[in-house]
Protein backbone atom coordinates (compact mmCIF):
# COMPACT_ATOMS: atom_id res chain seq x y z
CA MET A 1 -0.05 -0.04 0.02
CA SER A 2 1.28 3.36 -0.91
CA PRO A 3 1.38 6.09 1.79
CA THR A 4 -0.15 8.40 -0.81
CA GLU A 5 -3.41 6.73 -0.18
CA ALA A 6 -3.43 7.91 3.47
CA THR A 7 -4.01 11.36 4.85
CA THR A 8 -0.95 12.68 6.57
CA VAL A 9 -2.02 14.19 9.91
CA THR A 10 -0.90 17.72 10.54
CA SER A 11 -2.24 20.58 12.68
CA ALA A 12 -3.96 22.04 9.60
CA VAL A 13 -5.74 18.64 9.10
CA LEU A 14 -6.91 18.61 12.70
CA ARG A 15 -8.08 22.31 12.62
CA ALA A 16 -10.33 21.31 9.72
CA TRP A 17 -11.76 18.48 11.84
CA PRO A 18 -12.31 20.29 15.14
CA LEU A 19 -13.13 18.40 18.28
CA PRO A 20 -16.57 18.88 19.94
CA ALA A 21 -16.80 22.08 21.87
CA ALA A 22 -15.40 21.73 25.31
CA GLY A 23 -17.72 24.11 27.14
CA GLY A 24 -19.88 23.32 30.09
CA GLY A 25 -19.18 21.46 33.32
CA LYS A 26 -17.65 18.03 33.82
CA ASP A 27 -20.81 16.18 32.98
CA ALA A 28 -20.82 17.76 29.55
CA ARG A 29 -17.41 16.41 28.79
CA GLY A 30 -18.31 12.84 29.46
CA ARG A 31 -17.55 10.08 31.93
CA VAL A 32 -14.59 7.76 31.38
CA VAL A 33 -14.31 4.28 32.97
CA ILE A 34 -10.95 2.53 32.78
CA VAL A 35 -10.79 -1.23 33.55
CA GLY A 36 -7.43 -2.83 34.16
CA GLY A 37 -4.40 -2.96 36.35
CA SER A 38 -3.17 -5.71 38.60
CA ASP A 39 -1.31 -6.05 41.88
CA GLN A 40 1.95 -5.61 39.92
CA THR A 41 0.95 -3.14 37.20
CA PRO A 42 -1.30 -0.42 38.71
CA GLY A 43 0.84 2.21 36.94
CA ALA A 44 -0.65 1.32 33.49
CA VAL A 45 -4.08 2.40 34.80
CA LEU A 46 -2.64 5.51 36.43
CA LEU A 47 -1.03 6.62 33.21
CA ALA A 48 -4.04 5.98 31.08
CA ALA A 49 -6.38 7.66 33.67
CA GLU A 50 -4.35 10.87 33.90
CA ALA A 51 -4.05 11.01 30.06
CA ALA A 52 -7.83 10.78 29.74
CA LEU A 53 -8.18 13.86 31.98
CA ARG A 54 -5.40 15.70 30.20
CA SER A 55 -7.30 15.29 26.94
CA GLY A 56 -10.31 16.92 28.47
CA ALA A 57 -12.63 14.22 29.84
CA GLY A 58 -14.93 15.51 32.55
CA LYS A 59 -15.28 12.60 34.99
CA LEU A 60 -13.14 9.58 35.73
CA GLN A 61 -13.77 6.22 37.21
CA VAL A 62 -11.32 3.23 37.54
CA VAL A 63 -12.03 -0.36 38.05
CA THR A 64 -9.03 -2.36 39.25
CA ALA A 65 -7.77 -5.10 41.57
CA ALA A 66 -8.70 -4.62 45.11
CA SER A 67 -5.20 -4.67 46.60
CA VAL A 68 -4.08 -1.66 44.55
CA ALA A 69 -7.21 0.32 44.59
CA PRO A 70 -6.46 2.41 47.84
CA ALA A 71 -3.04 3.51 46.45
CA LEU A 72 -4.64 4.42 43.09
CA ALA A 73 -7.43 6.34 44.81
CA VAL A 74 -4.77 8.42 46.55
CA ALA A 75 -2.66 8.84 43.37
CA LEU A 76 -5.87 9.84 41.39
CA PRO A 77 -7.78 12.19 43.77
CA GLU A 78 -9.84 13.25 40.72
CA ALA A 79 -11.24 9.72 40.30
CA LEU A 80 -13.69 7.19 41.80
CA VAL A 81 -11.77 4.06 42.22
CA VAL A 82 -13.49 0.69 42.55
CA GLY A 83 -11.51 -2.17 43.90
CA LEU A 84 -12.74 -5.61 42.82
CA PRO A 85 -11.80 -9.13 43.90
CA GLN A 86 -8.73 -10.45 42.15
CA GLY A 87 -7.63 -13.85 41.06
CA PRO A 88 -4.47 -15.76 41.95
CA GLY A 89 -2.40 -13.83 39.38
CA GLY A 90 -3.44 -10.41 40.79
CA ASP A 91 -5.79 -9.27 38.00
CA VAL A 92 -9.47 -8.45 38.44
CA ASP A 93 -11.30 -11.75 38.76
CA PRO A 94 -13.58 -12.39 35.72
CA ASP A 95 -16.20 -13.53 38.27
CA ALA A 96 -16.56 -9.78 39.11
CA ALA A 97 -17.91 -9.06 35.64
CA ASP A 98 -21.21 -7.86 36.94
CA GLU A 99 -19.65 -5.16 38.97
CA VAL A 100 -17.55 -4.08 35.94
CA VAL A 101 -20.68 -3.82 33.80
CA SER A 102 -22.52 -1.95 36.49
CA THR A 103 -19.76 0.72 36.81
CA ALA A 104 -19.41 1.02 33.07
CA ASP A 105 -23.11 1.35 32.29
CA GLY A 106 -23.92 4.59 30.56
CA ALA A 107 -20.30 5.76 30.34
CA ALA A 108 -19.29 8.04 27.43
CA ALA A 109 -16.18 6.02 26.89
CA VAL A 110 -14.79 2.88 28.51
CA LEU A 111 -11.19 1.63 28.21
CA VAL A 112 -10.48 -2.07 28.92
CA GLY A 113 -7.02 -3.55 29.06
CA PRO A 114 -4.24 -1.45 30.55
CA GLY A 115 -2.09 -3.35 33.02
CA ILE A 116 -3.92 -6.68 32.85
CA ARG A 117 -1.12 -9.16 32.95
CA ASP A 118 -2.65 -12.60 32.28
CA VAL A 119 -3.86 -12.90 28.69
CA ASP A 120 -6.28 -15.75 29.63
CA VAL A 121 -7.82 -13.53 32.36
CA ALA A 122 -8.09 -10.74 29.82
CA ARG A 123 -9.94 -12.99 27.34
CA GLU A 124 -12.34 -14.29 29.94
CA LEU A 125 -13.06 -10.89 31.42
CA CYS A 126 -13.73 -9.48 27.97
CA GLU A 127 -15.94 -12.42 27.12
CA ARG A 128 -18.06 -11.71 30.13
CA VAL A 129 -18.11 -8.00 30.01
CA LEU A 130 -17.82 -6.65 26.48
CA PRO A 131 -21.04 -8.22 24.91
CA ARG A 132 -22.87 -6.29 27.69
CA LEU A 133 -21.46 -2.80 26.89
CA GLY A 134 -23.13 -2.21 23.62
CA ASP A 135 -24.80 0.90 25.04
CA VAL A 136 -21.61 2.79 26.07
CA GLY A 137 -20.54 5.73 24.00
CA VAL A 138 -17.22 4.38 22.69
CA LEU A 139 -15.48 1.20 23.75
CA VAL A 140 -11.62 1.31 23.64
CA LEU A 141 -9.58 -1.89 23.81
CA ASP A 142 -5.81 -1.80 24.64
CA ALA A 143 -3.00 -4.26 25.58
CA ALA A 144 -4.17 -7.76 26.66
CA ALA A 145 -7.80 -7.03 25.74
CA HIS A 146 -6.78 -7.53 22.10
CA ALA A 147 -6.39 -11.24 22.89
CA TRP A 148 -10.17 -11.59 23.03
CA VAL A 149 -10.51 -9.92 19.66
CA GLY A 150 -8.01 -12.36 18.07
CA ALA A 151 -9.60 -15.35 19.73
CA SER A 152 -13.18 -14.35 19.00
CA ARG A 153 -13.08 -12.82 15.51
CA GLY A 154 -16.35 -11.03 14.73
CA ALA A 155 -17.57 -10.96 18.29
CA LEU A 156 -16.82 -7.33 18.72
CA ARG A 157 -18.77 -6.39 15.69
CA ARG A 158 -21.73 -8.40 17.10
CA THR A 159 -21.75 -6.33 20.38
CA GLY A 160 -22.96 -3.32 18.48
CA ALA A 161 -20.37 -1.17 20.16
CA ARG A 162 -18.61 1.81 18.49
CA ALA A 163 -15.23 0.41 19.19
CA LEU A 164 -11.62 1.61 18.86
CA LEU A 165 -8.51 -0.68 19.16
CA THR A 166 -5.01 0.65 20.05
CA PRO A 167 -2.62 -2.28 19.44
CA ASN A 168 1.16 -2.01 19.30
CA PRO A 169 2.68 -3.91 16.35
CA THR A 170 3.11 -7.15 18.36
CA GLU A 171 -0.54 -7.04 19.53
CA LEU A 172 -1.73 -6.35 16.02
CA ALA A 173 0.18 -9.35 14.67
CA LEU A 174 -1.20 -11.62 17.32
CA THR A 175 -4.73 -10.36 16.83
CA LEU A 176 -4.55 -11.05 13.01
CA GLY A 177 -2.52 -14.31 13.47
CA VAL A 178 0.42 -13.13 11.39
CA GLU A 179 4.13 -12.60 12.07
CA ARG A 180 5.27 -9.44 13.60
CA ASP A 181 7.69 -8.85 10.73
CA ALA A 182 4.79 -8.80 8.37
CA VAL A 183 3.16 -5.95 10.31
CA THR A 184 6.24 -3.89 10.54
CA ALA A 185 6.85 -4.35 6.79
CA ASP A 186 3.37 -3.11 5.88
CA PRO A 187 1.58 -1.66 8.83
CA ALA A 188 -1.02 0.20 6.72
CA SER A 189 -2.48 -2.92 5.14
CA HIS A 190 -2.66 -4.72 8.43
CA VAL A 191 -4.28 -1.91 10.32
CA ARG A 192 -6.88 -1.64 7.51
CA GLU A 193 -7.36 -5.39 7.42
CA LEU A 194 -8.29 -5.52 11.16
CA ALA A 195 -10.38 -2.38 10.98
CA THR A 196 -12.49 -3.37 8.07
CA SER A 197 -12.86 -7.05 9.10
CA GLU A 198 -14.00 -6.22 12.66
CA GLY A 199 -15.99 -3.09 11.82
CA VAL A 200 -13.92 -0.86 14.16
CA VAL A 201 -11.31 1.94 14.24
CA VAL A 202 -7.72 0.67 14.70
CA ALA A 203 -4.86 2.94 15.69
CA ALA A 204 -1.39 1.21 15.74
CA GLY A 205 1.92 2.76 16.57
CA GLY A 206 5.41 2.13 15.42
CA GLU A 207 7.98 4.34 13.55
CA GLU A 208 4.92 5.89 11.98
CA SER A 209 1.40 5.60 13.54
CA TRP A 210 -1.43 4.31 11.31
CA THR A 211 -5.18 4.63 11.83
CA SER A 212 -7.92 3.05 9.84
CA ASP A 213 -11.68 3.30 10.15
CA ALA A 214 -14.14 0.50 9.32
CA GLU A 215 -14.53 1.80 5.73
CA GLY A 216 -10.70 1.50 5.23
CA ARG A 217 -9.88 5.17 5.24
CA LEU A 218 -6.33 5.67 6.41
CA TRP A 219 -4.36 8.30 8.32
CA VAL A 220 -0.58 8.28 8.84
CA ASP A 221 1.05 10.27 11.67
CA GLN A 222 4.72 11.04 11.74
CA ALA A 223 4.80 13.00 14.97
CA GLY A 224 6.78 11.71 17.88
CA GLY A 225 10.09 9.84 17.76
CA ALA A 226 12.23 7.16 19.33
CA GLY A 227 11.55 8.43 22.82
CA LEU A 228 7.95 7.35 22.57
CA GLY A 229 9.16 3.71 22.45
CA ALA A 230 9.21 3.57 26.27
CA SER A 231 7.36 1.70 29.00
CA GLY A 232 3.86 3.10 29.60
CA SER A 233 3.74 5.22 26.44
CA GLY A 234 1.01 3.10 24.93
CA ASP A 235 -1.07 3.49 28.14
CA VAL A 236 -0.90 7.12 27.77
CA GLN A 237 -2.08 7.04 24.13
CA ALA A 238 -4.94 4.75 25.04
CA GLY A 239 -6.03 7.18 27.76
CA LEU A 240 -5.85 10.14 25.34
CA VAL A 241 -8.12 8.58 22.78
CA THR A 242 -10.48 7.54 25.49
CA GLY A 243 -10.74 11.00 26.96
CA LEU A 244 -11.34 12.59 23.48
CA ALA A 245 -14.13 9.94 22.83
CA ALA A 246 -15.76 10.87 26.14
CA ARG A 247 -15.80 14.50 25.00
CA GLY A 248 -17.92 13.40 22.12
CA ALA A 249 -15.42 12.71 19.34
CA SER A 250 -16.23 9.69 17.04
CA PRO A 251 -13.97 6.79 17.32
CA ALA A 252 -12.03 7.82 14.11
CA GLN A 253 -11.60 11.40 15.36
CA ALA A 254 -10.56 10.35 18.84
CA ALA A 255 -7.93 8.01 17.37
CA VAL A 256 -6.49 10.51 14.94
CA TRP A 257 -6.40 13.34 17.28
CA GLY A 258 -5.18 11.14 20.14
CA VAL A 259 -2.27 9.71 18.21
CA HIS A 260 -1.16 13.13 17.10
CA LEU A 261 -1.46 14.62 20.69
CA HIS A 262 0.66 11.69 21.92
CA GLY A 263 3.31 12.23 19.20
CA ARG A 264 3.41 16.00 19.54
CA ALA A 265 3.83 15.60 23.38
CA GLY A 266 6.78 13.42 22.69
CA ASP A 267 8.21 15.99 20.32
CA ARG A 268 7.96 18.62 23.03
CA LEU A 269 9.68 16.48 25.56
CA ALA A 270 12.38 15.53 22.99
CA ALA A 271 13.11 19.20 22.59
CA SER A 272 13.23 19.97 26.38
CA VAL A 273 14.50 16.78 27.90
CA GLY A 274 16.20 14.90 25.19
CA ARG A 275 15.35 12.66 22.24
CA LEU A 276 15.58 9.59 24.56
CA GLY A 277 15.03 9.37 28.37
CA PHE A 278 11.82 11.13 28.98
CA LEU A 279 9.17 9.16 30.85
CA ALA A 280 5.67 8.16 29.86
CA ARG A 281 4.32 9.92 32.96
CA GLU A 282 5.70 13.29 31.57
CA LEU A 283 3.68 13.07 28.40
CA GLY A 284 0.29 14.01 29.80
CA ALA A 285 1.34 17.43 31.10
CA GLU A 286 2.34 18.41 27.57
CA VAL A 287 -0.93 17.54 26.11
CA PRO A 288 -3.03 20.73 27.12
CA HIS A 289 -0.17 22.79 25.52
CA VAL A 290 -0.38 20.81 22.28
CA LEU A 291 -4.19 21.18 22.31
CA THR A 292 -3.86 24.94 22.66
CA GLU A 293 -1.23 25.09 19.80
CA ILE A 294 -3.49 23.11 17.42
CA GLU A 295 -6.72 24.85 18.27
CA ALA A 296 -5.35 28.42 18.48
């Protein structure tokens, strides 16, 4: 596939595709629910949650393993944190699916996956939860949650959810059942294949970031750099797109804008800190500045 078939994302492109107005109180900017984390990886949820607020979401709720919920509640004073029973591996127990659904019901955007360590647990939790979330505004799947998509091809389409997937190249390859080298050699075709076959939006990072909607329209984003290839960076991007979706952006718009905000935040840190060595936790604070620069 030739890159000329894709729209290259720039500030001008985004200004011509403005986000929904951000006026009003917190209720007007949507409620985000983030489901994930484990006793060893609560930081993934923390990064995603803060990013959702940095991109303008109004309200934040987190569903995570009971053992880390108190610490997350202190680290995220802006959020309601729900601690649920956890299994032997430290992830949220799939038997707590009813509580997950109850919390997520009616949310503007729900993110599932950051910090879930056990792929089998992720698949089972998704199997029990996702078919019951068809009435949420936008459903975002990240990290281990992609395992359910790969194991249950077509099931996501049948939920009726407006869905957005944020795989890294390895997760994209596993979801499609192909070699990672094939994805890195031609990311555009593989992103488009997953998006059109599942009827969703897919945003996948790499040296360039590619986004496709369910109709096969492509966007390529060259913002960011090597510094974004760091632990936790993908959690930040997933949180950004979820926050934008909560504000009322469509899945495609949330993905395209969120990927660009993530990349431009990395560019700012590369200039002020260094091309390598900045931390994922530092990206979020740059996002409001990038939003102002684009929207000015």
